[in-house]
Amino acid sequence: MTSTTRFLLAVLAAPAVALGVAATAAAEPPPPPPPNCTAADLAGVMTGVTAATSAYLFTHPEVNDFFTGLKGKSRDEMRTAVEDYIGAHPDVGDALRSIRQPSVDFRNRCG
């Protein structure tokens, strides 16, 4: 077998193998989601995060006023303002990250 023949066989065999693997993978059902990763689970997690965020903002009127004041700004303006505010108030950033952590955990666990 010449090197040209071997090269052509390799070039032609690779797509055939890929198609065979793809066909096999397509025939297999997707793996089940991890436990507690349903749409209902996500809704429950987000409900808790939303309720905790609301409670935090109601009990911290200055933070509520800051976020309320973002209305009407562009996304870039909002991003800059929030970064500046959190930089000046790291305790607020820590509290909001802590409140949001269950949603981060859900996404890390469930994809």
N, C-alpha and C. Protein backbone atom coordinates (compact mmCIF):
# COMPACT_ATOMS: atom_id res chain seq x y z
N MET A 1 0.86 -1.17 0.00
CA MET A 1 0.00 0.00 0.00
C MET A 1 0.91 1.23 0.00
N THR A 2 0.65 2.13 -0.91
CA THR A 2 1.49 3.32 -1.00
C THR A 2 1.07 4.33 0.06
N SER A 3 1.94 5.29 0.30
CA SER A 3 1.61 6.31 1.29
C SER A 3 0.41 7.14 0.83
N THR A 4 0.26 7.33 -0.45
CA THR A 4 -0.90 8.07 -0.97
C THR A 4 -2.18 7.30 -0.70
N THR A 5 -2.14 5.99 -0.89
CA THR A 5 -3.31 5.17 -0.63
C THR A 5 -3.66 5.20 0.86
N ARG A 6 -2.65 5.07 1.71
CA ARG A 6 -2.89 5.12 3.16
C ARG A 6 -3.49 6.47 3.55
N PHE A 7 -2.97 7.54 2.95
CA PHE A 7 -3.48 8.88 3.25
C PHE A 7 -4.95 9.00 2.84
N LEU A 8 -5.28 8.53 1.64
CA LEU A 8 -6.66 8.59 1.16
C LEU A 8 -7.59 7.76 2.04
N LEU A 9 -7.13 6.59 2.45
CA LEU A 9 -7.95 5.75 3.33
C LEU A 9 -8.19 6.45 4.67
N ALA A 10 -7.15 7.08 5.20
CA ALA A 10 -7.29 7.79 6.47
C ALA A 10 -8.27 8.95 6.33
N VAL A 11 -8.15 9.68 5.23
CA VAL A 11 -9.03 10.82 5.00
C VAL A 11 -10.48 10.37 4.83
N LEU A 12 -10.69 9.27 4.14
CA LEU A 12 -12.04 8.77 3.92
C LEU A 12 -12.60 8.03 5.14
N ALA A 13 -11.73 7.40 5.90
CA ALA A 13 -12.19 6.62 7.05
C ALA A 13 -12.63 7.52 8.20
N ALA A 14 -11.98 8.65 8.39
CA ALA A 14 -12.31 9.52 9.52
C ALA A 14 -13.77 9.97 9.48
N PRO A 15 -14.27 10.49 8.34
CA PRO A 15 -15.69 10.86 8.34
C PRO A 15 -16.63 9.66 8.54
N ALA A 16 -16.25 8.50 8.02
CA ALA A 16 -17.08 7.31 8.19
C ALA A 16 -17.17 6.92 9.66
N VAL A 17 -16.04 6.97 10.33
CA VAL A 17 -16.03 6.66 11.77
C VAL A 17 -16.86 7.69 12.52
N ALA A 18 -16.68 8.96 12.18
CA ALA A 18 -17.43 10.02 12.85
C ALA A 18 -18.93 9.84 12.64
N LEU A 19 -19.32 9.50 11.43
CA LEU A 19 -20.74 9.27 11.17
C LEU A 19 -21.27 8.08 11.95
N GLY A 20 -20.47 7.05 12.05
CA GLY A 20 -20.88 5.87 12.82
C GLY A 20 -21.05 6.20 14.29
N VAL A 21 -20.13 6.97 14.83
CA VAL A 21 -20.22 7.37 16.24
C VAL A 21 -21.42 8.28 16.44
N ALA A 22 -21.62 9.23 15.50
CA ALA A 22 -22.75 10.15 15.62
C ALA A 22 -24.06 9.39 15.55
N ALA A 23 -24.15 8.41 14.66
CA ALA A 23 -25.38 7.63 14.54
C ALA A 23 -25.65 6.85 15.82
N THR A 24 -24.59 6.28 16.39
CA THR A 24 -24.74 5.53 17.64
C THR A 24 -25.16 6.47 18.76
N ALA A 25 -24.51 7.64 18.84
CA ALA A 25 -24.84 8.59 19.89
C ALA A 25 -26.26 9.10 19.73
N ALA A 26 -26.67 9.32 18.49
CA ALA A 26 -28.02 9.81 18.25
C ALA A 26 -29.07 8.77 18.61
N ALA A 27 -28.72 7.50 18.48
CA ALA A 27 -29.66 6.43 18.78
C ALA A 27 -29.83 6.23 20.28
N GLU A 28 -28.87 6.64 21.07
CA GLU A 28 -28.95 6.48 22.51
C GLU A 28 -29.74 7.63 23.12
N PRO A 29 -30.61 7.34 24.06
CA PRO A 29 -31.36 8.43 24.70
C PRO A 29 -30.40 9.29 25.53
N PRO A 30 -30.73 10.56 25.70
CA PRO A 30 -29.87 11.41 26.52
C PRO A 30 -29.86 10.92 27.96
N PRO A 31 -28.77 11.14 28.65
CA PRO A 31 -28.73 10.69 30.05
C PRO A 31 -29.76 11.48 30.87
N PRO A 32 -30.28 10.87 31.92
CA PRO A 32 -31.26 11.59 32.74
C PRO A 32 -30.57 12.77 33.44
N PRO A 33 -31.31 13.83 33.69
CA PRO A 33 -30.71 14.95 34.40
C PRO A 33 -30.35 14.54 35.83
N PRO A 34 -29.40 15.23 36.42
CA PRO A 34 -29.10 14.93 37.83
C PRO A 34 -30.36 15.16 38.68
N PRO A 35 -30.41 14.56 39.85
CA PRO A 35 -31.58 14.75 40.71
C PRO A 35 -31.76 16.22 41.06
N ASN A 36 -32.99 16.61 41.24
CA ASN A 36 -33.35 17.98 41.63
C ASN A 36 -32.91 19.03 40.62
N CYS A 37 -32.97 18.68 39.33
CA CYS A 37 -32.59 19.60 38.26
C CYS A 37 -33.72 19.83 37.27
N THR A 38 -34.95 19.73 37.73
CA THR A 38 -36.08 19.93 36.84
C THR A 38 -36.42 21.42 36.74
N ALA A 39 -37.30 21.74 35.82
CA ALA A 39 -37.77 23.11 35.69
C ALA A 39 -38.43 23.58 36.99
N ALA A 40 -39.15 22.67 37.63
CA ALA A 40 -39.79 23.02 38.90
C ALA A 40 -38.75 23.32 39.98
N ASP A 41 -37.67 22.53 39.98
CA ASP A 41 -36.59 22.79 40.95
C ASP A 41 -35.97 24.16 40.72
N LEU A 42 -35.71 24.48 39.44
CA LEU A 42 -35.14 25.78 39.11
C LEU A 42 -36.09 26.90 39.54
N ALA A 43 -37.37 26.74 39.26
CA ALA A 43 -38.35 27.76 39.66
C ALA A 43 -38.35 27.96 41.17
N GLY A 44 -38.25 26.87 41.91
CA GLY A 44 -38.20 26.98 43.37
C GLY A 44 -36.96 27.70 43.86
N VAL A 45 -35.82 27.37 43.27
CA VAL A 45 -34.57 28.04 43.64
C VAL A 45 -34.66 29.53 43.33
N MET A 46 -35.13 29.86 42.13
CA MET A 46 -35.20 31.26 41.73
C MET A 46 -36.23 32.03 42.55
N THR A 47 -37.29 31.36 42.97
CA THR A 47 -38.28 32.00 43.84
C THR A 47 -37.63 32.39 45.17
N GLY A 48 -36.83 31.47 45.72
CA GLY A 48 -36.14 31.77 46.97
C GLY A 48 -35.14 32.91 46.81
N VAL A 49 -34.40 32.90 45.70
CA VAL A 49 -33.42 33.96 45.45
C VAL A 49 -34.14 35.30 45.28
N THR A 50 -35.23 35.29 44.54
CA THR A 50 -35.98 36.53 44.32
C THR A 50 -36.56 37.06 45.63
N ALA A 51 -37.14 36.18 46.44
CA ALA A 51 -37.71 36.60 47.73
C ALA A 51 -36.62 37.14 48.65
N ALA A 52 -35.47 36.48 48.69
CA ALA A 52 -34.38 36.95 49.55
C ALA A 52 -33.82 38.29 49.06
N THR A 53 -33.76 38.46 47.74
CA THR A 53 -33.30 39.74 47.19
C THR A 53 -34.28 40.85 47.56
N SER A 54 -35.56 40.57 47.41
CA SER A 54 -36.58 41.56 47.77
C SER A 54 -36.48 41.94 49.24
N ALA A 55 -36.36 40.95 50.10
CA ALA A 55 -36.24 41.22 51.54
C ALA A 55 -34.99 42.05 51.83
N TYR A 56 -33.89 41.72 51.19
CA TYR A 56 -32.64 42.48 51.40
C TYR A 56 -32.84 43.94 50.97
N LEU A 57 -33.42 44.14 49.79
CA LEU A 57 -33.59 45.50 49.29
C LEU A 57 -34.56 46.30 50.17
N PHE A 58 -35.64 45.68 50.65
CA PHE A 58 -36.57 46.39 51.52
C PHE A 58 -35.92 46.75 52.86
N THR A 59 -35.00 45.94 53.33
CA THR A 59 -34.37 46.22 54.62
C THR A 59 -33.09 47.05 54.48
N HIS A 60 -32.71 47.36 53.24
CA HIS A 60 -31.54 48.21 52.97
C HIS A 60 -31.97 49.28 51.95
N PRO A 61 -32.72 50.29 52.42
CA PRO A 61 -33.30 51.27 51.50
C PRO A 61 -32.28 51.99 50.62
N GLU A 62 -31.08 52.22 51.13
CA GLU A 62 -30.07 52.91 50.31
C GLU A 62 -29.64 52.05 49.13
N VAL A 63 -29.58 50.73 49.33
CA VAL A 63 -29.24 49.82 48.23
C VAL A 63 -30.42 49.75 47.26
N ASN A 64 -31.63 49.68 47.79
CA ASN A 64 -32.83 49.67 46.97
C ASN A 64 -32.89 50.94 46.11
N ASP A 65 -32.59 52.09 46.71
CA ASP A 65 -32.60 53.35 45.97
C ASP A 65 -31.56 53.34 44.85
N PHE A 66 -30.38 52.79 45.14
CA PHE A 66 -29.34 52.74 44.11
C PHE A 66 -29.81 51.91 42.93
N PHE A 67 -30.29 50.69 43.18
CA PHE A 67 -30.71 49.82 42.08
C PHE A 67 -31.94 50.37 41.36
N THR A 68 -32.85 51.00 42.10
CA THR A 68 -34.01 51.62 41.46
C THR A 68 -33.57 52.74 40.53
N GLY A 69 -32.53 53.46 40.91
CA GLY A 69 -32.02 54.57 40.11
C GLY A 69 -31.34 54.15 38.82
N LEU A 70 -31.13 52.86 38.61
CA LEU A 70 -30.51 52.38 37.37
C LEU A 70 -31.49 52.37 36.20
N LYS A 71 -32.77 52.48 36.50
CA LYS A 71 -33.79 52.41 35.44
C LYS A 71 -33.52 53.49 34.39
N GLY A 72 -33.59 53.08 33.14
CA GLY A 72 -33.40 54.01 32.04
C GLY A 72 -31.97 54.11 31.54
N LYS A 73 -31.03 53.53 32.27
CA LYS A 73 -29.63 53.57 31.83
C LYS A 73 -29.38 52.42 30.85
N SER A 74 -28.36 52.59 30.03
CA SER A 74 -27.98 51.52 29.12
C SER A 74 -27.32 50.40 29.92
N ARG A 75 -27.20 49.23 29.31
CA ARG A 75 -26.55 48.10 29.99
C ARG A 75 -25.12 48.45 30.40
N ASP A 76 -24.41 49.12 29.53
CA ASP A 76 -23.03 49.51 29.85
C ASP A 76 -22.99 50.48 31.02
N GLU A 77 -23.91 51.45 31.03
CA GLU A 77 -23.97 52.40 32.14
C GLU A 77 -24.33 51.69 33.44
N MET A 78 -25.29 50.75 33.35
CA MET A 78 -25.67 49.98 34.54
C MET A 78 -24.49 49.18 35.07
N ARG A 79 -23.80 48.48 34.16
CA ARG A 79 -22.68 47.64 34.57
C ARG A 79 -21.61 48.48 35.29
N THR A 80 -21.28 49.62 34.70
CA THR A 80 -20.27 50.48 35.30
C THR A 80 -20.73 51.00 36.67
N ALA A 81 -21.99 51.44 36.74
CA ALA A 81 -22.52 51.96 38.01
C ALA A 81 -22.52 50.89 39.09
N VAL A 82 -22.95 49.67 38.73
CA VAL A 82 -22.99 48.58 39.72
C VAL A 82 -21.58 48.21 40.16
N GLU A 83 -20.66 48.10 39.23
CA GLU A 83 -19.26 47.79 39.60
C GLU A 83 -18.70 48.85 40.54
N ASP A 84 -18.96 50.12 40.23
CA ASP A 84 -18.49 51.21 41.10
C ASP A 84 -19.14 51.14 42.48
N TYR A 85 -20.44 50.89 42.50
CA TYR A 85 -21.17 50.85 43.77
C TYR A 85 -20.68 49.68 44.63
N ILE A 86 -20.55 48.51 44.02
CA ILE A 86 -20.09 47.33 44.76
C ILE A 86 -18.65 47.53 45.22
N GLY A 87 -17.84 48.18 44.38
CA GLY A 87 -16.47 48.47 44.78
C GLY A 87 -16.41 49.37 46.01
N ALA A 88 -17.34 50.32 46.09
CA ALA A 88 -17.40 51.23 47.23
C ALA A 88 -18.13 50.63 48.42
N HIS A 89 -18.94 49.58 48.18
CA HIS A 89 -19.74 48.93 49.23
C HIS A 89 -19.56 47.42 49.14
N PRO A 90 -18.38 46.91 49.47
CA PRO A 90 -18.14 45.46 49.31
C PRO A 90 -19.08 44.59 50.15
N ASP A 91 -19.58 45.12 51.25
CA ASP A 91 -20.52 44.35 52.07
C ASP A 91 -21.81 44.08 51.29
N VAL A 92 -22.24 45.03 50.48
CA VAL A 92 -23.43 44.84 49.65
C VAL A 92 -23.16 43.75 48.60
N GLY A 93 -22.00 43.83 47.97
CA GLY A 93 -21.64 42.81 46.99
C GLY A 93 -21.61 41.43 47.61
N ASP A 94 -21.03 41.33 48.81
CA ASP A 94 -20.97 40.03 49.50
C ASP A 94 -22.37 39.52 49.82
N ALA A 95 -23.23 40.41 50.29
CA ALA A 95 -24.60 39.99 50.64
C ALA A 95 -25.37 39.53 49.40
N LEU A 96 -25.26 40.28 48.31
CA LEU A 96 -25.99 39.90 47.10
C LEU A 96 -25.44 38.62 46.48
N ARG A 97 -24.13 38.44 46.52
CA ARG A 97 -23.55 37.17 46.03
C ARG A 97 -24.04 36.01 46.88
N SER A 98 -24.11 36.21 48.18
CA SER A 98 -24.59 35.15 49.07
C SER A 98 -26.04 34.81 48.78
N ILE A 99 -26.86 35.82 48.55
CA ILE A 99 -28.27 35.60 48.23
C ILE A 99 -28.39 34.83 46.93
N ARG A 100 -27.57 35.17 45.95
CA ARG A 100 -27.62 34.57 44.61
C ARG A 100 -26.98 33.18 44.55
N GLN A 101 -26.22 32.80 45.56
CA GLN A 101 -25.46 31.54 45.53
C GLN A 101 -26.30 30.30 45.22
N PRO A 102 -27.51 30.16 45.74
CA PRO A 102 -28.29 28.96 45.38
C PRO A 102 -28.52 28.83 43.87
N SER A 103 -28.69 29.94 43.16
CA SER A 103 -28.87 29.84 41.70
C SER A 103 -27.58 29.46 41.03
N VAL A 104 -26.45 29.93 41.53
CA VAL A 104 -25.15 29.54 40.99
C VAL A 104 -24.92 28.05 41.23
N ASP A 105 -25.23 27.61 42.43
CA ASP A 105 -25.07 26.18 42.76
C ASP A 105 -25.94 25.31 41.85
N PHE A 106 -27.18 25.75 41.63
CA PHE A 106 -28.08 24.99 40.75
C PHE A 106 -27.49 24.87 39.36
N ARG A 107 -27.04 25.98 38.80
CA ARG A 107 -26.49 25.96 37.44
C ARG A 107 -25.22 25.13 37.37
N ASN A 108 -24.39 25.19 38.39
CA ASN A 108 -23.17 24.37 38.41
C ASN A 108 -23.50 22.89 38.48
N ARG A 109 -24.52 22.55 39.24
CA ARG A 109 -24.89 21.15 39.42
C ARG A 109 -25.68 20.61 38.23
N CYS A 110 -26.53 21.44 37.68
CA CYS A 110 -27.48 20.95 36.66
C CYS A 110 -27.12 21.34 35.23
N GLY A 111 -26.23 22.26 35.09
CA GLY A 111 -25.83 22.67 33.73
C GLY A 111 -26.68 23.74 33.13
